[in-house]
Amino acid sequence: MQYRTLGRTGIKVSPYALGAMMFGAVGNPDHDDSVRIIHRALDAGINFIDTADMYSYGESEEIVGKAIAGRRDSLVVATKLNLPMGDDPNQQGNSRRWIMTEVENSLRRLQTDYIDLYQIHRPDPSTDIEETLSALSDLIHSGKVRAIGSSAMPASDMVEAQWVSERRGLERFRAEQPAYSILSRGIETEVLPVAQRYGMGVLVWSPLAMGLLTGRVRRDQATDLRRSSMFTHMRDPRRLDAVEELIPLAEQAGIKLTHMAMAFAISHPGVTSAIIGPRTMDHLEDLLAGAETVLTDDVLDRIDAIVPPGTDLGRLDMAYNPPAILDPRQRRRPVEERRAA
């Protein structure tokens, strides 16, 4: 496996990163089986593991901790914080108070003294970015964290964070973790160029479009509707129509749809690694079998014709929505002003 540098950190990582979201109660509750899957990925050359505190409320980190015991020094371990970890309103977000508390919890669950990449899972508009960067900088200086990153951060926020780091002499975000797949190419417009401009590594999630690019969810077939009913984007006709065009393209290219989707994700020069999230050993083996797949320019051109560059077909249900979108008051003038106009 050929390794890539995570931005300008000097850290070498595999182009496939092992995502641990499906290890634990949400996906595979069998700890021993999950550990075997992790070990198989590591034996195949994957050295990059990504998890988060809220994946099965800490259980994923605990499983990863068991799996990396005795192999920690050869691995790059990433985890995240921000999303709620309890009913207490302060057990979430990007405040110094929560960062300093939760990093200790993650270190304990992971059974490690340091985290290679510590990421904020989502932006937190209620917390000054300087507050967040100051706390994360202290973790780097203490040796508990090696590098810091963001996730699902809009390009404008990425630029602001870089400026704040420079002005205040703080550590800066070295990586970004956005959603990216053939069906979700919006980050090609600004996020990836901004990351490249600032020398940030990019670790993309959902390269299989939440399972749509496995071919198991089809437009006119009642297959896997259990998953389709979970999220509205799984039923989006634009996405399903694109899948129907991508399936014959993969067949004509002589490769599996999953392999084409993964190869597409890591073919962009701004992408460092793509996260695979297997729940079973069979899922992992299928993805590993396509690890050496390289798409020709002709195949990439035909993908562009189906889903143009920079295009998102629909919006992922779990995508980050800033207050300007969530709060109608930020999108509408008061009625009195509208009437006066």
Foldseek 3Di string as FASTA:
>chain_A
DDWDDFFPLRDTFDQEEAEQLQDPDNHANDLVQSLVLVVVVVVLPGQHYEYECPSNNLRSLLSQLVNCVVPVVSHAYEYEFADANDPPPLCGHQALVNVVVVLVVSCVSNVHQAHAEYEYAAHDVVDDLLRNQVSVQVCCVVVRYVAYAYELDDLVVLVVQVVSCVVVVTGGHQEYEYADWLQAQQCLVGVLVSNNVVRHEYEYEDLCVQVLQQVQQAQPDPGPVVSLVVWVVSNQVLSRVLSVVQCVLCVVVVHGSLLVSLQVQSPDPSHRHYYDHDSGSVSVVNNSVSSPDHDDPVSVVVSCVSPNHNDHRDDTPPRDDDCCGVPVPNVDPPPVVVVVD
